[in-house]
PDB file of N, CA and C in Angstrom:
ATOM      1  N   MET A   1     -24.324  56.969 -64.503  1.00  0.00           N
ATOM      2  CA  MET A   1     -25.705  57.190 -64.130  1.00  0.00           C
ATOM      3  C   MET A   1     -25.807  58.610 -63.579  1.00  0.00           C
ATOM      4  N   ASP A   2     -26.734  59.365 -64.130  1.00  0.00           N
ATOM      5  CA  ASP A   2     -26.897  60.736 -63.648  1.00  0.00           C
ATOM      6  C   ASP A   2     -27.877  60.772 -62.472  1.00  0.00           C
ATOM      7  N   LEU A   3     -28.036  61.934 -61.909  1.00  0.00           N
ATOM      8  CA  LEU A   3     -28.851  62.091 -60.705  1.00  0.00           C
ATOM      9  C   LEU A   3     -30.320  61.757 -60.957  1.00  0.00           C
ATOM     10  N   GLU A   4     -30.847  62.179 -62.098  1.00  0.00           N
ATOM     11  CA  GLU A   4     -32.269  61.931 -62.406  1.00  0.00           C
ATOM     12  C   GLU A   4     -32.562  60.438 -62.549  1.00  0.00           C
ATOM     13  N   THR A   5     -31.681  59.716 -63.226  1.00  0.00           N
ATOM     14  CA  THR A   5     -31.872  58.279 -63.387  1.00  0.00           C
ATOM     15  C   THR A   5     -31.791  57.574 -62.038  1.00  0.00           C
ATOM     16  N   GLY A   6     -30.874  58.014 -61.196  1.00  0.00           N
ATOM     17  CA  GLY A   6     -30.749  57.438 -59.855  1.00  0.00           C
ATOM     18  C   GLY A   6     -31.993  57.662 -59.021  1.00  0.00           C
ATOM     19  N   ARG A   7     -32.583  58.839 -59.140  1.00  0.00           N
ATOM     20  CA  ARG A   7     -33.821  59.121 -58.395  1.00  0.00           C
ATOM     21  C   ARG A   7     -34.970  58.246 -58.876  1.00  0.00           C
ATOM     22  N   LYS A   8     -35.074  58.090 -60.189  1.00  0.00           N
ATOM     23  CA  LYS A   8     -36.150  57.250 -60.734  1.00  0.00           C
ATOM     24  C   LYS A   8     -36.012  55.811 -60.255  1.00  0.00           C
ATOM     25  N   ARG A   9     -34.781  55.300 -60.266  1.00  0.00           N
ATOM     26  CA  ARG A   9     -34.570  53.921 -59.804  1.00  0.00           C
ATOM     27  C   ARG A   9     -34.865  53.800 -58.317  1.00  0.00           C
ATOM     28  N   ALA A  10     -34.457  54.800 -57.545  1.00  0.00           N
ATOM     29  CA  ALA A  10     -34.705  54.765 -56.098  1.00  0.00           C
ATOM     30  C   ALA A  10     -36.203  54.761 -55.819  1.00  0.00           C
ATOM     31  N   TRP A  11     -36.956  55.638 -56.488  1.00  0.00           N
ATOM     32  CA  TRP A  11     -38.414  55.673 -56.281  1.00  0.00           C
ATOM     33  C   TRP A  11     -39.074  54.377 -56.744  1.00  0.00           C
ATOM     34  N   HIS A  12     -38.531  53.787 -57.810  1.00  0.00           N
ATOM     35  CA  HIS A  12     -39.059  52.514 -58.286  1.00  0.00           C
ATOM     36  C   HIS A  12     -38.946  51.453 -57.192  1.00  0.00           C
ATOM     37  N   PHE A  13     -37.771  51.349 -56.575  1.00  0.00           N
ATOM     38  CA  PHE A  13     -37.570  50.350 -55.527  1.00  0.00           C
ATOM     39  C   PHE A  13     -38.342  50.694 -54.255  1.00  0.00           C
ATOM     40  N   ILE A  14     -38.496  51.957 -53.959  1.00  0.00           N
ATOM     41  CA  ILE A  14     -39.295  52.353 -52.793  1.00  0.00           C
ATOM     42  C   ILE A  14     -40.759  51.963 -52.997  1.00  0.00           C
ATOM     43  N   ARG A  15     -41.293  52.239 -54.195  1.00  0.00           N
ATOM     44  CA  ARG A  15     -42.683  51.864 -54.476  1.00  0.00           C
ATOM     45  C   ARG A  15     -42.870  50.348 -54.454  1.00  0.00           C
ATOM     46  N   LEU A  16     -41.893  49.612 -54.999  1.00  0.00           N
ATOM     47  CA  LEU A  16     -41.980  48.151 -54.935  1.00  0.00           C
ATOM     48  C   LEU A  16     -41.960  47.664 -53.493  1.00  0.00           C
ATOM     49  N   GLY A  17     -41.088  48.227 -52.691  1.00  0.00           N
ATOM     50  CA  GLY A  17     -41.004  47.824 -51.285  1.00  0.00           C
ATOM     51  C   GLY A  17     -42.285  48.104 -50.529  1.00  0.00           C
ATOM     52  N   ILE A  18     -42.838  49.299 -50.724  1.00  0.00           N
ATOM     53  CA  ILE A  18     -44.093  49.644 -50.048  1.00  0.00           C
ATOM     54  C   ILE A  18     -45.230  48.762 -50.562  1.00  0.00           C
ATOM     55  N   GLY A  19     -45.242  48.499 -51.862  1.00  0.00           N
ATOM     56  CA  GLY A  19     -46.278  47.628 -52.427  1.00  0.00           C
ATOM     57  C   GLY A  19     -46.219  46.225 -51.851  1.00  0.00           C
ATOM     58  N   TRP A  20     -45.010  45.662 -51.763  1.00  0.00           N
ATOM     59  CA  TRP A  20     -44.870  44.324 -51.188  1.00  0.00           C
ATOM     60  C   TRP A  20     -45.207  44.325 -49.705  1.00  0.00           C
ATOM     61  N   LEU A  21     -44.825  45.384 -48.997  1.00  0.00           N
ATOM     62  CA  LEU A  21     -45.144  45.471 -47.571  1.00  0.00           C
ATOM     63  C   LEU A  21     -46.660  45.492 -47.350  1.00  0.00           C
ATOM     64  N   LEU A  22     -47.369  46.346 -48.104  1.00  0.00           N
ATOM     65  CA  LEU A  22     -48.819  46.430 -47.962  1.00  0.00           C
ATOM     66  C   LEU A  22     -49.501  45.123 -48.370  1.00  0.00           C
ATOM     67  N   THR A  23     -49.017  44.516 -49.463  1.00  0.00           N
ATOM     68  CA  THR A  23     -49.605  43.255 -49.919  1.00  0.00           C
ATOM     69  C   THR A  23     -49.390  42.151 -48.890  1.00  0.00           C
ATOM     70  N   SER A  24     -48.176  42.052 -48.370  1.00  0.00           N
ATOM     71  CA  SER A  24     -47.894  41.029 -47.358  1.00  0.00           C
ATOM     72  C   SER A  24     -48.725  41.246 -46.101  1.00  0.00           C
ATOM     73  N   LEU A  25     -48.812  42.488 -45.664  1.00  0.00           N
ATOM     74  CA  LEU A  25     -49.617  42.802 -44.488  1.00  0.00           C
ATOM     75  C   LEU A  25     -51.090  42.476 -44.739  1.00  0.00           C
ATOM     76  N   GLY A  26     -51.568  42.775 -45.935  1.00  0.00           N
ATOM     77  CA  GLY A  26     -52.953  42.454 -46.279  1.00  0.00           C
ATOM     78  C   GLY A  26     -53.226  40.971 -46.266  1.00  0.00           C
ATOM     79  N   ILE A  27     -52.282  40.172 -46.783  1.00  0.00           N
ATOM     80  CA  ILE A  27     -52.459  38.718 -46.788  1.00  0.00           C
ATOM     81  C   ILE A  27     -52.479  38.185 -45.364  1.00  0.00           C
ATOM     82  N   VAL A  28     -51.572  38.696 -44.518  1.00  0.00           N
ATOM     83  CA  VAL A  28     -51.534  38.255 -43.122  1.00  0.00           C
ATOM     84  C   VAL A  28     -52.834  38.633 -42.415  1.00  0.00           C
ATOM     85  N   LEU A  29     -53.331  39.836 -42.688  1.00  0.00           N
ATOM     86  CA  LEU A  29     -54.548  40.290 -42.016  1.00  0.00           C
ATOM     87  C   LEU A  29     -55.811  39.633 -42.575  1.00  0.00           C
ATOM     88  N   LEU A  30     -55.719  38.976 -43.725  1.00  0.00           N
ATOM     89  CA  LEU A  30     -56.863  38.190 -44.194  1.00  0.00           C
ATOM     90  C   LEU A  30     -57.060  36.980 -43.297  1.00  0.00           C
ATOM     91  N   VAL A  31     -55.955  36.429 -42.794  1.00  0.00           N
ATOM     92  CA  VAL A  31     -56.024  35.261 -41.926  1.00  0.00           C
ATOM     93  C   VAL A  31     -56.283  35.680 -40.484  1.00  0.00           C
ATOM     94  N   LEU A  32     -55.559  36.693 -40.035  1.00  0.00           N
ATOM     95  CA  LEU A  32     -55.729  37.193 -38.675  1.00  0.00           C
ATOM     96  C   LEU A  32     -56.874  38.204 -38.648  1.00  0.00           C
ATOM     97  N   PRO A  33     -57.399  38.494 -37.474  1.00  0.00           N
ATOM     98  CA  PRO A  33     -58.457  39.515 -37.424  1.00  0.00           C
ATOM     99  C   PRO A  33     -57.888  40.890 -37.752  1.00  0.00           C
ATOM    100  N   GLY A  34     -58.475  41.493 -38.742  1.00  0.00           N
ATOM    101  CA  GLY A  34     -58.034  42.823 -39.151  1.00  0.00           C
ATOM    102  C   GLY A  34     -58.516  43.121 -40.556  1.00  0.00           C
ATOM    103  N   PRO A  35     -58.345  44.344 -40.996  1.00  0.00           N
ATOM    104  CA  PRO A  35     -58.825  44.752 -42.323  1.00  0.00           C
ATOM    105  C   PRO A  35     -57.825  44.395 -43.424  1.00  0.00           C
ATOM    106  N   GLY A  36     -57.742  43.122 -43.782  1.00  0.00           N
ATOM    107  CA  GLY A  36     -56.769  42.673 -44.772  1.00  0.00           C
ATOM    108  C   GLY A  36     -56.960  43.275 -46.139  1.00  0.00           C
ATOM    109  N   VAL A  37     -58.199  43.415 -46.573  1.00  0.00           N
ATOM    110  CA  VAL A  37     -58.477  43.942 -47.913  1.00  0.00           C
ATOM    111  C   VAL A  37     -58.050  45.404 -48.020  1.00  0.00           C
ATOM    112  N   LEU A  38     -58.153  46.141 -46.918  1.00  0.00           N
ATOM    113  CA  LEU A  38     -57.761  47.552 -46.947  1.00  0.00           C
ATOM    114  C   LEU A  38     -56.273  47.731 -47.185  1.00  0.00           C
ATOM    115  N   PHE A  39     -55.458  46.735 -46.873  1.00  0.00           N
ATOM    116  CA  PHE A  39     -54.027  46.801 -47.155  1.00  0.00           C
ATOM    117  C   PHE A  39     -53.687  46.088 -48.453  1.00  0.00           C
ATOM    118  N   LEU A  40     -54.434  45.040 -48.771  1.00  0.00           N
ATOM    119  CA  LEU A  40     -54.142  44.231 -49.946  1.00  0.00           C
ATOM    120  C   LEU A  40     -54.385  44.993 -51.245  1.00  0.00           C
ATOM    121  N   VAL A  41     -55.483  45.688 -51.355  1.00  0.00           N
ATOM    122  CA  VAL A  41     -55.825  46.394 -52.596  1.00  0.00           C
ATOM    123  C   VAL A  41     -54.813  47.497 -52.925  1.00  0.00           C
ATOM    124  N   PRO A  42     -54.472  48.396 -51.986  1.00  0.00           N
ATOM    125  CA  PRO A  42     -53.457  49.413 -52.334  1.00  0.00           C
ATOM    126  C   PRO A  42     -52.088  48.793 -52.630  1.00  0.00           C
ATOM    127  N   GLY A  43     -51.748  47.716 -51.928  1.00  0.00           N
ATOM    128  CA  GLY A  43     -50.469  47.063 -52.192  1.00  0.00           C
ATOM    129  C   GLY A  43     -50.407  46.486 -53.589  1.00  0.00           C
ATOM    130  N   LEU A  44     -51.457  45.786 -54.003  1.00  0.00           N
ATOM    131  CA  LEU A  44     -51.497  45.230 -55.355  1.00  0.00           C
ATOM    132  C   LEU A  44     -51.548  46.327 -56.411  1.00  0.00           C
ATOM    133  N   THR A  45     -52.201  47.423 -56.093  1.00  0.00           N
ATOM    134  CA  THR A  45     -52.254  48.547 -57.029  1.00  0.00           C
ATOM    135  C   THR A  45     -50.865  49.137 -57.238  1.00  0.00           C
ATOM    136  N   MET A  46     -50.124  49.316 -56.157  1.00  0.00           N
ATOM    137  CA  MET A  46     -48.764  49.842 -56.284  1.00  0.00           C
ATOM    138  C   MET A  46     -47.873  48.867 -57.044  1.00  0.00           C
ATOM    139  N   LEU A  47     -48.009  47.586 -56.758  1.00  0.00           N
ATOM    140  CA  LEU A  47     -47.194  46.601 -57.466  1.00  0.00           C
ATOM    141  C   LEU A  47     -47.544  46.526 -58.945  1.00  0.00           C
ATOM    142  N   SER A  48     -48.821  46.646 -59.271  1.00  0.00           N
ATOM    143  CA  SER A  48     -49.210  46.569 -60.681  1.00  0.00           C
ATOM    144  C   SER A  48     -48.713  47.772 -61.470  1.00  0.00           C
ATOM    145  N   ALA A  49     -48.525  48.908 -60.794  1.00  0.00           N
ATOM    146  CA  ALA A  49     -47.983  50.080 -61.486  1.00  0.00           C
ATOM    147  C   ALA A  49     -46.500  49.906 -61.778  1.00  0.00           C
ATOM    148  N   GLU A  50     -45.825  49.061 -61.018  1.00  0.00           N
ATOM    149  CA  GLU A  50     -44.378  48.901 -61.157  1.00  0.00           C
ATOM    150  C   GLU A  50     -43.965  47.587 -61.801  1.00  0.00           C
ATOM    151  N   SER A  51     -44.840  46.605 -61.842  1.00  0.00           N
ATOM    152  CA  SER A  51     -44.453  45.276 -62.294  1.00  0.00           C
ATOM    153  C   SER A  51     -45.463  44.740 -63.300  1.00  0.00           C
ATOM    154  N   SER A  52     -44.975  44.317 -64.453  1.00  0.00           N
ATOM    155  CA  SER A  52     -45.878  43.843 -65.503  1.00  0.00           C
ATOM    156  C   SER A  52     -46.492  42.488 -65.151  1.00  0.00           C
ATOM    157  N   TRP A  53     -45.772  41.616 -64.433  1.00  0.00           N
ATOM    158  CA  TRP A  53     -46.338  40.304 -64.136  1.00  0.00           C
ATOM    159  C   TRP A  53     -47.457  40.411 -63.112  1.00  0.00           C
ATOM    160  N   VAL A  54     -47.379  41.360 -62.178  1.00  0.00           N
ATOM    161  CA  VAL A  54     -48.483  41.572 -61.235  1.00  0.00           C
ATOM    162  C   VAL A  54     -49.686  42.121 -61.986  1.00  0.00           C
ATOM    163  N   ARG A  55     -49.425  43.019 -62.929  1.00  0.00           N
ATOM    164  CA  ARG A  55     -50.499  43.580 -63.750  1.00  0.00           C
ATOM    165  C   ARG A  55     -51.192  42.473 -64.530  1.00  0.00           C
ATOM    166  N   ARG A  56     -50.411  41.529 -65.064  1.00  0.00           N
ATOM    167  CA  ARG A  56     -50.977  40.424 -65.843  1.00  0.00           C
ATOM    168  C   ARG A  56     -51.835  39.517 -64.952  1.00  0.00           C
ATOM    169  N   ILE A  57     -51.370  39.226 -63.735  1.00  0.00           N
ATOM    170  CA  ILE A  57     -52.132  38.387 -62.802  1.00  0.00           C
ATOM    171  C   ILE A  57     -53.446  39.063 -62.425  1.00  0.00           C
ATOM    172  N   LEU A  58     -53.389  40.360 -62.134  1.00  0.00           N
ATOM    173  CA  LEU A  58     -54.615  41.084 -61.774  1.00  0.00           C
ATOM    174  C   LEU A  58     -55.589  41.146 -62.942  1.00  0.00           C
ATOM    175  N   ARG A  59     -55.071  41.278 -64.160  1.00  0.00           N
ATOM    176  CA  ARG A  59     -55.939  41.311 -65.337  1.00  0.00           C
ATOM    177  C   ARG A  59     -56.656  39.971 -65.508  1.00  0.00           C
ATOM    178  N   ARG A  60     -55.939  38.861 -65.310  1.00  0.00           N
ATOM    179  CA  ARG A  60     -56.563  37.536 -65.413  1.00  0.00           C
ATOM    180  C   ARG A  60     -57.619  37.342 -64.332  1.00  0.00           C
ATOM    181  N   ALA A  61     -57.317  37.783 -63.124  1.00  0.00           N
ATOM    182  CA  ALA A  61     -58.293  37.661 -62.031  1.00  0.00           C
ATOM    183  C   ALA A  61     -59.538  38.485 -62.325  1.00  0.00           C
ATOM    184  N   ARG A  62     -59.359  39.671 -62.882  1.00  0.00           N
ATOM    185  CA  ARG A  62     -60.500  40.515 -63.216  1.00  0.00           C
ATOM    186  C   ARG A  62     -61.352  39.862 -64.310  1.00  0.00           C
ATOM    187  N   GLU A  63     -60.696  39.260 -65.319  1.00  0.00           N
ATOM    188  CA  GLU A  63     -61.446  38.588 -66.377  1.00  0.00           C
ATOM    189  C   GLU A  63     -62.244  37.416 -65.820  1.00  0.00           C
ATOM    190  N   ARG A  64     -61.639  36.651 -64.918  1.00  0.00           N
ATOM    191  CA  ARG A  64     -62.365  35.536 -64.305  1.00  0.00           C
ATOM    192  C   ARG A  64     -63.556  36.050 -63.517  1.00  0.00           C
ATOM    193  N   TRP A  65     -63.376  37.167 -62.815  1.00  0.00           N
ATOM    194  CA  TRP A  65     -64.469  37.745 -62.037  1.00  0.00           C
ATOM    195  C   TRP A  65     -65.603  38.166 -62.961  1.00  0.00           C
ATOM    196  N   TYR A  66     -65.257  38.797 -64.094  1.00  0.00           N
ATOM    197  CA  TYR A  66     -66.286  39.196 -65.055  1.00  0.00           C
ATOM    198  C   TYR A  66     -67.019  37.981 -65.603  1.00  0.00           C
ATOM    199  N   ILE A  67     -66.284  36.908 -65.882  1.00  0.00           N
ATOM    200  CA  ILE A  67     -66.916  35.704 -66.414  1.00  0.00           C
ATOM    201  C   ILE A  67     -67.856  35.102 -65.378  1.00  0.00           C
ATOM    202  N   ARG A  68     -67.404  35.018 -64.126  1.00  0.00           N
ATOM    203  CA  ARG A  68     -68.279  34.474 -63.075  1.00  0.00           C
ATOM    204  C   ARG A  68     -69.521  35.325 -62.898  1.00  0.00           C
ATOM    205  N   ARG A  69     -69.337  36.630 -62.945  1.00  0.00           N
ATOM    206  CA  ARG A  69     -70.487  37.527 -62.788  1.00  0.00           C
ATOM    207  C   ARG A  69     -71.461  37.357 -63.950  1.00  0.00           C
ATOM    208  N   ALA A  70     -70.930  37.247 -65.164  1.00  0.00           N
ATOM    209  CA  ALA A  70     -71.793  37.060 -66.330  1.00  0.00           C
ATOM    210  C   ALA A  70     -72.536  35.730 -66.248  1.00  0.00           C
ATOM    211  N   MET A  71     -71.865  34.689 -65.754  1.00  0.00           N
ATOM    212  CA  MET A  71     -72.530  33.391 -65.621  1.00  0.00           C
ATOM    213  C   MET A  71     -73.626  33.444 -64.566  1.00  0.00           C
ATOM    214  N   ARG A  72     -73.407  34.154 -63.463  1.00  0.00           N
ATOM    215  CA  ARG A  72     -74.453  34.288 -62.436  1.00  0.00           C
ATOM    216  C   ARG A  72     -75.656  35.036 -63.001  1.00  0.00           C
ATOM    217  N   GLU A  73     -75.390  36.095 -63.754  1.00  0.00           N
ATOM    218  CA  GLU A  73     -76.491  36.857 -64.342  1.00  0.00           C
ATOM    219  C   GLU A  73     -77.257  36.009 -65.357  1.00  0.00           C
ATOM    220  N   ALA A  74     -76.536  35.210 -66.136  1.00  0.00           N
ATOM    221  CA  ALA A  74     -77.201  34.347 -67.114  1.00  0.00           C
ATOM    222  C   ALA A  74     -78.046  33.290 -66.415  1.00  0.00           C
ATOM    223  N   GLU A  75     -77.547  32.749 -65.306  1.00  0.00           N
ATOM    224  CA  GLU A  75     -78.318  31.749 -64.574  1.00  0.00           C
ATOM    225  C   GLU A  75     -79.570  32.352 -63.945  1.00  0.00           C
ATOM    226  N   LYS A  76     -79.533  33.642 -63.637  1.00  0.00           N
ATOM    227  CA  LYS A  76     -80.724  34.294 -63.093  1.00  0.00           C
ATOM    228  C   LYS A  76     -81.860  34.319 -64.104  1.00  0.00           C
ATOM    229  N   VAL A  77     -81.514  34.412 -65.385  1.00  0.00           N
ATOM    230  CA  VAL A  77     -82.558  34.454 -66.410  1.00  0.00           C
ATOM    231  C   VAL A  77     -82.847  33.081 -66.997  1.00  0.00           C
ATOM    232  N   GLY A  78     -82.211  32.033 -66.451  1.00  0.00           N
ATOM    233  CA  GLY A  78     -82.553  30.685 -66.871  1.00  0.00           C
ATOM    234  C   GLY A  78     -81.537  29.994 -67.756  1.00  0.00           C
ATOM    235  N   ILE A  79     -80.444  30.625 -68.090  1.00  0.00           N
ATOM    236  CA  ILE A  79     -79.419  29.974 -68.901  1.00  0.00           C
ATOM    237  C   ILE A  79     -78.474  29.245 -67.953  1.00  0.00           C
ATOM    238  N   THR A  80     -78.292  27.936 -68.174  1.00  0.00           N
ATOM    239  CA  THR A  80     -77.431  27.154 -67.285  1.00  0.00           C
ATOM    240  C   THR A  80     -76.183  26.709 -68.031  1.00  0.00           C
ATOM    241  N   PHE A  81     -75.135  26.491 -67.278  1.00  0.00           N
ATOM    242  CA  PHE A  81     -73.853  26.054 -67.822  1.00  0.00           C
ATOM    243  C   PHE A  81     -73.466  24.757 -67.135  1.00  0.00           C
ATOM    244  N   ASP A  82     -73.053  23.771 -67.921  1.00  0.00           N
ATOM    245  CA  ASP A  82     -72.557  22.527 -67.357  1.00  0.00           C
ATOM    246  C   ASP A  82     -71.044  22.548 -67.499  1.00  0.00           C
ATOM    247  N   LEU A  83     -70.365  22.816 -66.411  1.00  0.00           N
ATOM    248  CA  LEU A  83     -68.909  22.905 -66.436  1.00  0.00           C
ATOM    249  C   LEU A  83     -68.268  21.683 -65.807  1.00  0.00           C
ATOM    250  N   GLY A  84     -68.946  20.543 -65.923  1.00  0.00           N
ATOM    251  CA  GLY A  84     -68.409  19.299 -65.386  1.00  0.00           C
ATOM    252  C   GLY A  84     -67.258  18.790 -66.242  1.00  0.00           C
ATOM    253  N   PRO A  85     -66.721  17.638 -65.883  1.00  0.00           N
ATOM    254  CA  PRO A  85     -65.605  17.077 -66.658  1.00  0.00           C
ATOM    255  C   PRO A  85     -66.044  16.708 -68.069  1.00  0.00           C
ATOM    256  N   ASP A  86     -65.091  16.697 -68.970  1.00  0.00           N
ATOM    257  CA  ASP A  86     -65.376  16.346 -70.359  1.00  0.00           C
ATOM    258  C   ASP A  86     -65.764  14.881 -70.463  1.00  0.00           C
ATOM    259  N   GLU A  87     -66.433  14.559 -71.564  1.00  0.00           N
ATOM    260  CA  GLU A  87     -66.851  13.186 -71.809  1.00  0.00           C
ATOM    261  C   GLU A  87     -65.639  12.265 -71.928  1.00  0.00           C
ATOM    262  N   ASP A  88     -64.619  12.718 -72.636  1.00  0.00           N
ATOM    263  CA  ASP A  88     -63.435  11.898 -72.831  1.00  0.00           C
ATOM    264  C   ASP A  88     -62.336  12.351 -71.879  1.00  0.00           C
ATOM    265  N   GLY A  89     -62.405  11.838 -70.670  1.00  0.00           N
ATOM    266  CA  GLY A  89     -61.424  12.164 -69.648  1.00  0.00           C
ATOM    267  C   GLY A  89     -60.112  11.441 -69.916  1.00  0.00           C
ATOM    268  N   PRO A  90     -59.151  11.571 -69.034  1.00  0.00           N
ATOM    269  CA  PRO A  90     -57.859  10.929 -69.248  1.00  0.00           C
ATOM    270  C   PRO A  90     -57.948   9.407 -69.237  1.00  0.00           C
ATOM    271  N   ASP A  91     -58.963   8.832 -68.572  1.00  0.00           N
ATOM    272  CA  ASP A  91     -59.095   7.368 -68.533  1.00  0.00           C
ATOM    273  C   ASP A  91     -59.654   6.821 -69.841  1.00  0.00           C
ATOM    274  N   ASP A  92     -60.471   7.611 -70.544  1.00  0.00           N
ATOM    275  CA  ASP A  92     -61.138   7.135 -71.749  1.00  0.00           C
ATOM    276  C   ASP A  92     -60.291   7.299 -72.998  1.00  0.00           C
ATOM    277  N   SER A  93     -59.316   8.158 -72.975  1.00  0.00           N
ATOM    278  CA  SER A  93     -58.578   8.461 -74.206  1.00  0.00           C
ATOM    279  C   SER A  93     -57.390   7.515 -74.362  1.00  0.00           C
ATOM    280  N   SER A  94     -56.946   7.412 -75.593  1.00  0.00           N
ATOM    281  CA  SER A  94     -55.774   6.598 -75.871  1.00  0.00           C
ATOM    282  C   SER A  94     -54.514   7.391 -75.537  1.00  0.00           C
ATOM    283  N   PRO A  95     -53.399   6.708 -75.338  1.00  0.00           N
ATOM    284  CA  PRO A  95     -52.176   7.436 -75.004  1.00  0.00           C
ATOM    285  C   PRO A  95     -51.751   8.335 -76.151  1.00  0.00           C
ATOM    286  N   PRO A  96     -51.099   9.461 -75.838  1.00  0.00           N
ATOM    287  CA  PRO A  96     -50.679  10.363 -76.904  1.00  0.00           C
ATOM    288  C   PRO A  96     -49.598   9.731 -77.764  1.00  0.00           C
ATOM    289  N   GLY A  97     -49.528  10.200 -78.970  1.00  0.00           N
ATOM    290  CA  GLY A  97     -48.513   9.709 -79.892  1.00  0.00           C
ATOM    291  C   GLY A  97     -49.157   8.978 -81.056  1.00  0.00           C
ATOM    292  N   PRO A  98     -48.326   8.458 -81.958  1.00  0.00           N
ATOM    293  CA  PRO A  98     -48.884   7.764 -83.125  1.00  0.00           C
ATOM    294  C   PRO A  98     -49.503   6.431 -82.708  1.00  0.00           C
ATOM    295  N   PRO A  99     -50.519   6.008 -83.457  1.00  0.00           N
ATOM    296  CA  PRO A  99     -51.156   4.719 -83.119  1.00  0.00           C
ATOM    297  C   PRO A  99     -50.153   3.577 -83.306  1.00  0.00           C
ATOM    298  N   ARG A 100     -50.244   2.621 -82.419  1.00  0.00           N
ATOM    299  CA  ARG A 100     -49.323   1.480 -82.484  1.00  0.00           C
ATOM    300  C   ARG A 100     -50.009   0.300 -83.180  1.00  0.00           C
ATOM    301  N   SER A 101     -49.232  -0.399 -83.954  1.00  0.00           N
ATOM    302  CA  SER A 101     -49.803  -1.573 -84.636  1.00  0.00           C
ATOM    303  C   SER A 101     -49.678  -2.774 -83.697  1.00  0.00           C
ATOM    304  N   SER A 102     -50.642  -3.673 -83.772  1.00  0.00           N
ATOM    305  CA  SER A 102     -50.629  -4.847 -82.898  1.00  0.00           C
ATOM    306  C   SER A 102     -50.214  -6.067 -83.711  1.00  0.00           C
ATOM    307  N   SER A 103     -48.940  -6.202 -84.036  1.00  0.00           N
ATOM    308  CA  SER A 103     -48.481  -7.356 -84.815  1.00  0.00           C
ATOM    309  C   SER A 103     -47.554  -8.224 -84.046  1.00  0.00           C
TER     310      SER A 103
END
């Protein structure tokens, strides 16, 4: 391992550590009195730059937020959504697998 590769790995772990520290502090401060969001957002941003699974989680959360926002806007103009349980719930359906003969 050469010096440049070692520096890149060191900075990678430093950024991950700072990201986790800020995220953890933000989560704690969401429960306790304090500015939790001010620590949570930069922490998640640092983690998403270094970790693909954090990036994927944030992308899903953003998509859900967009969907909720679009549904609120649609309801403002009179379009309603029924997101209740399906007609054929787990109690109404037959067990999975091939149908059994009754002989």
